[in-house]
Amino acid sequence: MYYLYILYSLQMKKYYIGSTSMLPELRLKQHLLNHKGFTSKAKDWEIVYRETYTSIEDARSREFQIKRWKSSLRIQQLITRSSTE
């Protein structure tokens, strides 16, 4: 299985969108412990959204689609809509 995941940092008030072949909870631990880059700027990241795929290409395609939105409001709507389904 492959995953698209969205993290949120309350401290930074930012979203991070990624894809992985790991369980998102394990990938989150990497972001929190020893990750260099954008997510190393805060230690309060939490998983707020995920989707499951059978191929990494599909997960990455979805990741890039969401990143192209460049809109926190649109990401919030996606998260909210999924929690009500």
PDB file of N, CA and C in Angstrom:
ATOM      1  N   MET A   1       0.838  -1.186   0.000  1.00  0.00           N
ATOM      2  CA  MET A   1       0.000   0.000   0.000  1.00  0.00           C
ATOM      3  C   MET A   1       0.882   1.249   0.000  1.00  0.00           C
ATOM      4  N   TYR A   2       0.334   2.303  -0.548  1.00  0.00           N
ATOM      5  CA  TYR A   2       1.010   3.595  -0.606  1.00  0.00           C
ATOM      6  C   TYR A   2       0.035   4.643  -0.098  1.00  0.00           C
ATOM      7  N   TYR A   3       0.591   5.709   0.426  1.00  0.00           N
ATOM      8  CA  TYR A   3      -0.250   6.687   1.100  1.00  0.00           C
ATOM      9  C   TYR A   3       0.086   8.107   0.677  1.00  0.00           C
ATOM     10  N   LEU A   4      -0.953   8.901   0.553  1.00  0.00           N
ATOM     11  CA  LEU A   4      -0.849  10.352   0.525  1.00  0.00           C
ATOM     12  C   LEU A   4      -1.196  10.773   1.948  1.00  0.00           C
ATOM     13  N   TYR A   5      -0.444  11.702   2.509  1.00  0.00           N
ATOM     14  CA  TYR A   5      -0.771  12.160   3.856  1.00  0.00           C
ATOM     15  C   TYR A   5      -0.595  13.671   3.938  1.00  0.00           C
ATOM     16  N   ILE A   6      -1.369  14.259   4.835  1.00  0.00           N
ATOM     17  CA  ILE A   6      -1.255  15.692   5.099  1.00  0.00           C
ATOM     18  C   ILE A   6      -1.008  15.852   6.589  1.00  0.00           C
ATOM     19  N   LEU A   7       0.049  16.585   6.901  1.00  0.00           N
ATOM     20  CA  LEU A   7       0.388  16.920   8.278  1.00  0.00           C
ATOM     21  C   LEU A   7       0.018  18.370   8.531  1.00  0.00           C
ATOM     22  N   TYR A   8      -0.226  18.690   9.792  1.00  0.00           N
ATOM     23  CA  TYR A   8      -0.494  20.076  10.167  1.00  0.00           C
ATOM     24  C   TYR A   8       0.313  20.418  11.409  1.00  0.00           C
ATOM     25  N   SER A   9       0.895  21.613  11.409  1.00  0.00           N
ATOM     26  CA  SER A   9       1.608  22.147  12.569  1.00  0.00           C
ATOM     27  C   SER A   9       0.851  23.373  13.070  1.00  0.00           C
ATOM     28  N   LEU A  10       0.345  23.284  14.274  1.00  0.00           N
ATOM     29  CA  LEU A  10      -0.341  24.416  14.877  1.00  0.00           C
ATOM     30  C   LEU A  10       0.642  25.555  15.133  1.00  0.00           C
ATOM     31  N   GLN A  11       1.852  25.200  15.554  1.00  0.00           N
ATOM     32  CA  GLN A  11       2.887  26.203  15.820  1.00  0.00           C
ATOM     33  C   GLN A  11       3.182  27.049  14.578  1.00  0.00           C
ATOM     34  N   MET A  12       3.305  26.398  13.436  1.00  0.00           N
ATOM     35  CA  MET A  12       3.618  27.109  12.194  1.00  0.00           C
ATOM     36  C   MET A  12       2.367  27.534  11.425  1.00  0.00           C
ATOM     37  N   LYS A  13       1.218  26.945  11.785  1.00  0.00           N
ATOM     38  CA  LYS A  13      -0.027  27.169  11.036  1.00  0.00           C
ATOM     39  C   LYS A  13       0.169  26.843   9.556  1.00  0.00           C
ATOM     40  N   LYS A  14       0.789  25.674   9.320  1.00  0.00           N
ATOM     41  CA  LYS A  14       1.111  25.235   7.959  1.00  0.00           C
ATOM     42  C   LYS A  14       0.755  23.768   7.780  1.00  0.00           C
ATOM     43  N   TYR A  15       0.499  23.417   6.520  1.00  0.00           N
ATOM     44  CA  TYR A  15       0.285  22.034   6.126  1.00  0.00           C
ATOM     45  C   TYR A  15       1.524  21.520   5.419  1.00  0.00           C
ATOM     46  N   TYR A  16       1.737  20.225   5.530  1.00  0.00           N
ATOM     47  CA  TYR A  16       2.776  19.543   4.761  1.00  0.00           C
ATOM     48  C   TYR A  16       2.103  18.373   4.064  1.00  0.00           C
ATOM     49  N   ILE A  17       2.324  18.236   2.765  1.00  0.00           N
ATOM     50  CA  ILE A  17       1.708  17.182   1.972  1.00  0.00           C
ATOM     51  C   ILE A  17       2.808  16.262   1.481  1.00  0.00           C
ATOM     52  N   GLY A  18       2.624  14.959   1.684  1.00  0.00           N
ATOM     53  CA  GLY A  18       3.627  13.996   1.253  1.00  0.00           C
ATOM     54  C   GLY A  18       2.999  12.687   0.826  1.00  0.00           C
ATOM     55  N   SER A  19       3.838  11.826   0.256  1.00  0.00           N
ATOM     56  CA  SER A  19       3.409  10.473  -0.094  1.00  0.00           C
ATOM     57  C   SER A  19       4.502   9.515   0.348  1.00  0.00           C
ATOM     58  N   THR A  20       4.108   8.278   0.641  1.00  0.00           N
ATOM     59  CA  THR A  20       5.050   7.323   1.205  1.00  0.00           C
ATOM     60  C   THR A  20       4.565   5.896   1.009  1.00  0.00           C
ATOM     61  N   SER A  21       5.511   4.969   1.115  1.00  0.00           N
ATOM     62  CA  SER A  21       5.163   3.552   1.133  1.00  0.00           C
ATOM     63  C   SER A  21       5.083   3.045   2.571  1.00  0.00           C
ATOM     64  N   MET A  22       5.468   3.892   3.520  1.00  0.00           N
ATOM     65  CA  MET A  22       5.407   3.537   4.939  1.00  0.00           C
ATOM     66  C   MET A  22       4.019   3.868   5.481  1.00  0.00           C
ATOM     67  N   LEU A  23       3.668   3.252   6.601  1.00  0.00           N
ATOM     68  CA  LEU A  23       2.464   3.718   7.284  1.00  0.00           C
ATOM     69  C   LEU A  23       2.668   5.179   7.663  1.00  0.00           C
ATOM     70  N   PRO A  24       1.674   6.019   7.461  1.00  0.00           N
ATOM     71  CA  PRO A  24       1.840   7.444   7.764  1.00  0.00           C
ATOM     72  C   PRO A  24       2.303   7.716   9.196  1.00  0.00           C
ATOM     73  N   GLU A  25       1.889   6.888  10.155  1.00  0.00           N
ATOM     74  CA  GLU A  25       2.321   7.095  11.546  1.00  0.00           C
ATOM     75  C   GLU A  25       3.825   6.909  11.690  1.00  0.00           C
ATOM     76  N   LEU A  26       4.397   5.944  10.954  1.00  0.00           N
ATOM     77  CA  LEU A  26       5.852   5.743  10.996  1.00  0.00           C
ATOM     78  C   LEU A  26       6.577   6.878  10.288  1.00  0.00           C
ATOM     79  N   ARG A  27       6.014   7.327   9.181  1.00  0.00           N
ATOM     80  CA  ARG A  27       6.619   8.447   8.451  1.00  0.00           C
ATOM     81  C   ARG A  27       6.575   9.711   9.306  1.00  0.00           C
ATOM     82  N   LEU A  28       5.493   9.911  10.044  1.00  0.00           N
ATOM     83  CA  LEU A  28       5.383  11.063  10.935  1.00  0.00           C
ATOM     84  C   LEU A  28       6.501  11.029  11.975  1.00  0.00           C
ATOM     85  N   LYS A  29       6.780   9.860  12.536  1.00  0.00           N
ATOM     86  CA  LYS A  29       7.869   9.748  13.519  1.00  0.00           C
ATOM     87  C   LYS A  29       9.189  10.208  12.920  1.00  0.00           C
ATOM     88  N   GLN A  30       9.447   9.859  11.661  1.00  0.00           N
ATOM     89  CA  GLN A  30      10.669  10.326  11.005  1.00  0.00           C
ATOM     90  C   GLN A  30      10.685  11.849  10.900  1.00  0.00           C
ATOM     91  N   HIS A  31       9.558  12.419  10.525  1.00  0.00           N
ATOM     92  CA  HIS A  31       9.483  13.876  10.419  1.00  0.00           C
ATOM     93  C   HIS A  31       9.771  14.534  11.772  1.00  0.00           C
ATOM     94  N   LEU A  32       9.297  13.927  12.833  1.00  0.00           N
ATOM     95  CA  LEU A  32       9.438  14.524  14.164  1.00  0.00           C
ATOM     96  C   LEU A  32      10.808  14.286  14.779  1.00  0.00           C
ATOM     97  N   LEU A  33      11.475  13.192  14.438  1.00  0.00           N
ATOM     98  CA  LEU A  33      12.721  12.837  15.111  1.00  0.00           C
ATOM     99  C   LEU A  33      13.982  13.363  14.426  1.00  0.00           C
ATOM    100  N   ASN A  34      14.202  12.965  13.200  1.00  0.00           N
ATOM    101  CA  ASN A  34      15.511  13.258  12.617  1.00  0.00           C
ATOM    102  C   ASN A  34      15.431  13.773  11.190  1.00  0.00           C
ATOM    103  N   HIS A  35      14.358  14.401  10.864  1.00  0.00           N
ATOM    104  CA  HIS A  35      14.147  14.860   9.494  1.00  0.00           C
ATOM    105  C   HIS A  35      14.781  16.233   9.292  1.00  0.00           C
ATOM    106  N   LYS A  36      15.450  16.390   8.184  1.00  0.00           N
ATOM    107  CA  LYS A  36      15.984  17.701   7.791  1.00  0.00           C
ATOM    108  C   LYS A  36      15.013  18.292   6.768  1.00  0.00           C
ATOM    109  N   GLY A  37      14.888  19.582   6.760  1.00  0.00           N
ATOM    110  CA  GLY A  37      14.008  20.204   5.784  1.00  0.00           C
ATOM    111  C   GLY A  37      12.849  20.925   6.444  1.00  0.00           C
ATOM    112  N   PHE A  38      11.800  21.138   5.664  1.00  0.00           N
ATOM    113  CA  PHE A  38      10.670  21.964   6.089  1.00  0.00           C
ATOM    114  C   PHE A  38      10.068  21.508   7.411  1.00  0.00           C
ATOM    115  N   THR A  39       9.829  20.210   7.568  1.00  0.00           N
ATOM    116  CA  THR A  39       9.145  19.744   8.774  1.00  0.00           C
ATOM    117  C   THR A  39      10.026  19.781  10.017  1.00  0.00           C
ATOM    118  N   SER A  40      11.321  20.011   9.857  1.00  0.00           N
ATOM    119  CA  SER A  40      12.199  20.095  11.034  1.00  0.00           C
ATOM    120  C   SER A  40      12.018  21.416  11.780  1.00  0.00           C
ATOM    121  N   LYS A  41      11.281  22.345  11.201  1.00  0.00           N
ATOM    122  CA  LYS A  41      11.078  23.660  11.814  1.00  0.00           C
ATOM    123  C   LYS A  41      10.088  23.642  12.969  1.00  0.00           C
ATOM    124  N   ALA A  42       9.346  22.538  13.125  1.00  0.00           N
ATOM    125  CA  ALA A  42       8.373  22.412  14.219  1.00  0.00           C
ATOM    126  C   ALA A  42       8.329  20.955  14.669  1.00  0.00           C
ATOM    127  N   LYS A  43       7.921  20.749  15.888  1.00  0.00           N
ATOM    128  CA  LYS A  43       7.850  19.390  16.442  1.00  0.00           C
ATOM    129  C   LYS A  43       6.427  19.013  16.847  1.00  0.00           C
ATOM    130  N   ASP A  44       5.457  19.754  16.349  1.00  0.00           N
ATOM    131  CA  ASP A  44       4.068  19.464  16.724  1.00  0.00           C
ATOM    132  C   ASP A  44       3.227  18.971  15.541  1.00  0.00           C
ATOM    133  N   TRP A  45       3.869  18.416  14.525  1.00  0.00           N
ATOM    134  CA  TRP A  45       3.143  17.929  13.358  1.00  0.00           C
ATOM    135  C   TRP A  45       2.211  16.798  13.757  1.00  0.00           C
ATOM    136  N   GLU A  46       1.030  16.777  13.145  1.00  0.00           N
ATOM    137  CA  GLU A  46       0.094  15.680  13.352  1.00  0.00           C
ATOM    138  C   GLU A  46      -0.545  15.326  12.013  1.00  0.00           C
ATOM    139  N   ILE A  47      -0.915  14.064  11.868  1.00  0.00           N
ATOM    140  CA  ILE A  47      -1.586  13.617  10.648  1.00  0.00           C
ATOM    141  C   ILE A  47      -3.038  14.078  10.714  1.00  0.00           C
ATOM    142  N   VAL A  48      -3.442  14.841   9.705  1.00  0.00           N
ATOM    143  CA  VAL A  48      -4.825  15.324   9.677  1.00  0.00           C
ATOM    144  C   VAL A  48      -5.624  14.721   8.528  1.00  0.00           C
ATOM    145  N   TYR A  49      -4.923  14.031   7.611  1.00  0.00           N
ATOM    146  CA  TYR A  49      -5.615  13.470   6.456  1.00  0.00           C
ATOM    147  C   TYR A  49      -4.739  12.411   5.810  1.00  0.00           C
ATOM    148  N   ARG A  50      -5.391  11.395   5.225  1.00  0.00           N
ATOM    149  CA  ARG A  50      -4.657  10.376   4.474  1.00  0.00           C
ATOM    150  C   ARG A  50      -5.559   9.740   3.437  1.00  0.00           C
ATOM    151  N   GLU A  51      -4.936   9.260   2.379  1.00  0.00           N
ATOM    152  CA  GLU A  51      -5.607   8.469   1.353  1.00  0.00           C
ATOM    153  C   GLU A  51      -4.705   7.275   1.055  1.00  0.00           C
ATOM    154  N   THR A  52      -5.303   6.154   0.679  1.00  0.00           N
ATOM    155  CA  THR A  52      -4.563   4.929   0.395  1.00  0.00           C
ATOM    156  C   THR A  52      -4.619   4.623  -1.097  1.00  0.00           C
ATOM    157  N   TYR A  53      -3.475   4.177  -1.633  1.00  0.00           N
ATOM    158  CA  TYR A  53      -3.367   3.857  -3.057  1.00  0.00           C
ATOM    159  C   TYR A  53      -2.651   2.529  -3.239  1.00  0.00           C
ATOM    160  N   THR A  54      -2.832   1.937  -4.407  1.00  0.00           N
ATOM    161  CA  THR A  54      -2.151   0.677  -4.710  1.00  0.00           C
ATOM    162  C   THR A  54      -0.838   0.897  -5.450  1.00  0.00           C
ATOM    163  N   SER A  55      -0.562   2.119  -5.897  1.00  0.00           N
ATOM    164  CA  SER A  55       0.711   2.401  -6.563  1.00  0.00           C
ATOM    165  C   SER A  55       1.270   3.728  -6.060  1.00  0.00           C
ATOM    166  N   ILE A  56       2.594   3.792  -6.019  1.00  0.00           N
ATOM    167  CA  ILE A  56       3.252   5.035  -5.592  1.00  0.00           C
ATOM    168  C   ILE A  56       2.998   6.140  -6.607  1.00  0.00           C
ATOM    169  N   GLU A  57       2.847   5.769  -7.876  1.00  0.00           N
ATOM    170  CA  GLU A  57       2.577   6.780  -8.906  1.00  0.00           C
ATOM    171  C   GLU A  57       1.247   7.483  -8.634  1.00  0.00           C
ATOM    172  N   ASP A  58       0.237   6.730  -8.235  1.00  0.00           N
ATOM    173  CA  ASP A  58      -1.066   7.332  -7.934  1.00  0.00           C
ATOM    174  C   ASP A  58      -0.984   8.221  -6.694  1.00  0.00           C
ATOM    175  N   ALA A  59      -0.276   7.763  -5.673  1.00  0.00           N
ATOM    176  CA  ALA A  59      -0.128   8.561  -4.448  1.00  0.00           C
ATOM    177  C   ALA A  59       0.616   9.857  -4.742  1.00  0.00           C
ATOM    178  N   ARG A  60       1.684   9.777  -5.519  1.00  0.00           N
ATOM    179  CA  ARG A  60       2.458  10.983  -5.848  1.00  0.00           C
ATOM    180  C   ARG A  60       1.672  11.922  -6.752  1.00  0.00           C
ATOM    181  N   SER A  61       0.911  11.356  -7.670  1.00  0.00           N
ATOM    182  CA  SER A  61       0.076  12.181  -8.539  1.00  0.00           C
ATOM    183  C   SER A  61      -0.909  13.003  -7.709  1.00  0.00           C
ATOM    184  N   ARG A  62      -1.531  12.352  -6.733  1.00  0.00           N
ATOM    185  CA  ARG A  62      -2.474  13.047  -5.845  1.00  0.00           C
ATOM    186  C   ARG A  62      -1.745  14.096  -5.003  1.00  0.00           C
ATOM    187  N   GLU A  63      -0.545  13.742  -4.507  1.00  0.00           N
ATOM    188  CA  GLU A  63       0.255  14.697  -3.739  1.00  0.00           C
ATOM    189  C   GLU A  63       0.502  15.968  -4.557  1.00  0.00           C
ATOM    190  N   PHE A  64       0.952  15.793  -5.785  1.00  0.00           N
ATOM    191  CA  PHE A  64       1.257  16.958  -6.622  1.00  0.00           C
ATOM    192  C   PHE A  64       0.004  17.743  -6.984  1.00  0.00           C
ATOM    193  N   GLN A  65      -1.116  17.037  -7.152  1.00  0.00           N
ATOM    194  CA  GLN A  65      -2.381  17.723  -7.427  1.00  0.00           C
ATOM    195  C   GLN A  65      -2.739  18.654  -6.270  1.00  0.00           C
ATOM    196  N   ILE A  66      -2.659  18.150  -5.052  1.00  0.00           N
ATOM    197  CA  ILE A  66      -3.006  18.970  -3.880  1.00  0.00           C
ATOM    198  C   ILE A  66      -2.007  20.104  -3.704  1.00  0.00           C
ATOM    199  N   LYS A  67      -0.734  19.843  -3.931  1.00  0.00           N
ATOM    200  CA  LYS A  67       0.279  20.905  -3.801  1.00  0.00           C
ATOM    201  C   LYS A  67       0.030  22.032  -4.806  1.00  0.00           C
ATOM    202  N   ARG A  68      -0.481  21.703  -5.967  1.00  0.00           N
ATOM    203  CA  ARG A  68      -0.767  22.737  -6.977  1.00  0.00           C
ATOM    204  C   ARG A  68      -1.908  23.655  -6.548  1.00  0.00           C
ATOM    205  N   TRP A  69      -2.748  23.185  -5.610  1.00  0.00           N
ATOM    206  CA  TRP A  69      -3.844  24.039  -5.146  1.00  0.00           C
ATOM    207  C   TRP A  69      -3.318  25.311  -4.498  1.00  0.00           C
ATOM    208  N   LYS A  70      -2.226  25.214  -3.759  1.00  0.00           N
ATOM    209  CA  LYS A  70      -1.627  26.365  -3.076  1.00  0.00           C
ATOM    210  C   LYS A  70      -2.654  27.152  -2.247  1.00  0.00           C
ATOM    211  N   SER A  71      -3.569  26.422  -1.637  1.00  0.00           N
ATOM    212  CA  SER A  71      -4.638  27.067  -0.879  1.00  0.00           C
ATOM    213  C   SER A  71      -4.903  26.292   0.404  1.00  0.00           C
ATOM    214  N   SER A  72      -4.624  26.918   1.528  1.00  0.00           N
ATOM    215  CA  SER A  72      -4.917  26.285   2.815  1.00  0.00           C
ATOM    216  C   SER A  72      -6.415  26.056   2.980  1.00  0.00           C
ATOM    217  N   LEU A  73      -7.225  26.982   2.473  1.00  0.00           N
ATOM    218  CA  LEU A  73      -8.670  26.846   2.583  1.00  0.00           C
ATOM    219  C   LEU A  73      -9.155  25.605   1.848  1.00  0.00           C
ATOM    220  N   ARG A  74      -8.649  25.374   0.664  1.00  0.00           N
ATOM    221  CA  ARG A  74      -9.067  24.201  -0.109  1.00  0.00           C
ATOM    222  C   ARG A  74      -8.624  22.910   0.583  1.00  0.00           C
ATOM    223  N   ILE A  75      -7.439  22.908   1.183  1.00  0.00           N
ATOM    224  CA  ILE A  75      -6.963  21.742   1.931  1.00  0.00           C
ATOM    225  C   ILE A  75      -7.850  21.520   3.155  1.00  0.00           C
ATOM    226  N   GLN A  76      -8.198  22.593   3.849  1.00  0.00           N
ATOM    227  CA  GLN A  76      -9.092  22.481   5.013  1.00  0.00           C
ATOM    228  C   GLN A  76     -10.440  21.888   4.607  1.00  0.00           C
ATOM    229  N   GLN A  77     -10.952  22.298   3.456  1.00  0.00           N
ATOM    230  CA  GLN A  77     -12.227  21.765   2.978  1.00  0.00           C
ATOM    231  C   GLN A  77     -12.120  20.269   2.691  1.00  0.00           C
ATOM    232  N   LEU A  78     -11.012  19.834   2.113  1.00  0.00           N
ATOM    233  CA  LEU A  78     -10.786  18.419   1.856  1.00  0.00           C
ATOM    234  C   LEU A  78     -10.791  17.639   3.163  1.00  0.00           C
ATOM    235  N   ILE A  79     -10.072  18.133   4.151  1.00  0.00           N
ATOM    236  CA  ILE A  79      -9.984  17.469   5.458  1.00  0.00           C
ATOM    237  C   ILE A  79     -11.343  17.422   6.129  1.00  0.00           C
ATOM    238  N   THR A  80     -12.061  18.534   6.127  1.00  0.00           N
ATOM    239  CA  THR A  80     -13.377  18.614   6.752  1.00  0.00           C
ATOM    240  C   THR A  80     -14.370  17.688   6.072  1.00  0.00           C
ATOM    241  N   ARG A  81     -14.356  17.695   4.756  1.00  0.00           N
ATOM    242  CA  ARG A  81     -15.284  16.858   4.000  1.00  0.00           C
ATOM    243  C   ARG A  81     -15.041  15.373   4.295  1.00  0.00           C
ATOM    244  N   SER A  82     -13.773  14.974   4.423  1.00  0.00           N
ATOM    245  CA  SER A  82     -13.480  13.557   4.680  1.00  0.00           C
ATOM    246  C   SER A  82     -13.896  13.141   6.090  1.00  0.00           C
ATOM    247  N   SER A  83     -13.864  14.066   7.026  1.00  0.00           N
ATOM    248  CA  SER A  83     -14.227  13.709   8.404  1.00  0.00           C
ATOM    249  C   SER A  83     -15.742  13.589   8.580  1.00  0.00           C
ATOM    250  N   THR A  84     -16.503  14.122   7.639  1.00  0.00           N
ATOM    251  CA  THR A  84     -17.960  14.024   7.741  1.00  0.00           C
ATOM    252  C   THR A  84     -18.510  12.849   6.934  1.00  0.00           C
ATOM    253  N   GLU A  85     -17.650  12.181   6.158  1.00  0.00           N
ATOM    254  CA  GLU A  85     -18.118  11.040   5.347  1.00  0.00           C
ATOM    255  C   GLU A  85     -18.084   9.762   6.133  1.00  0.00           C
TER     256      GLU A  85
END
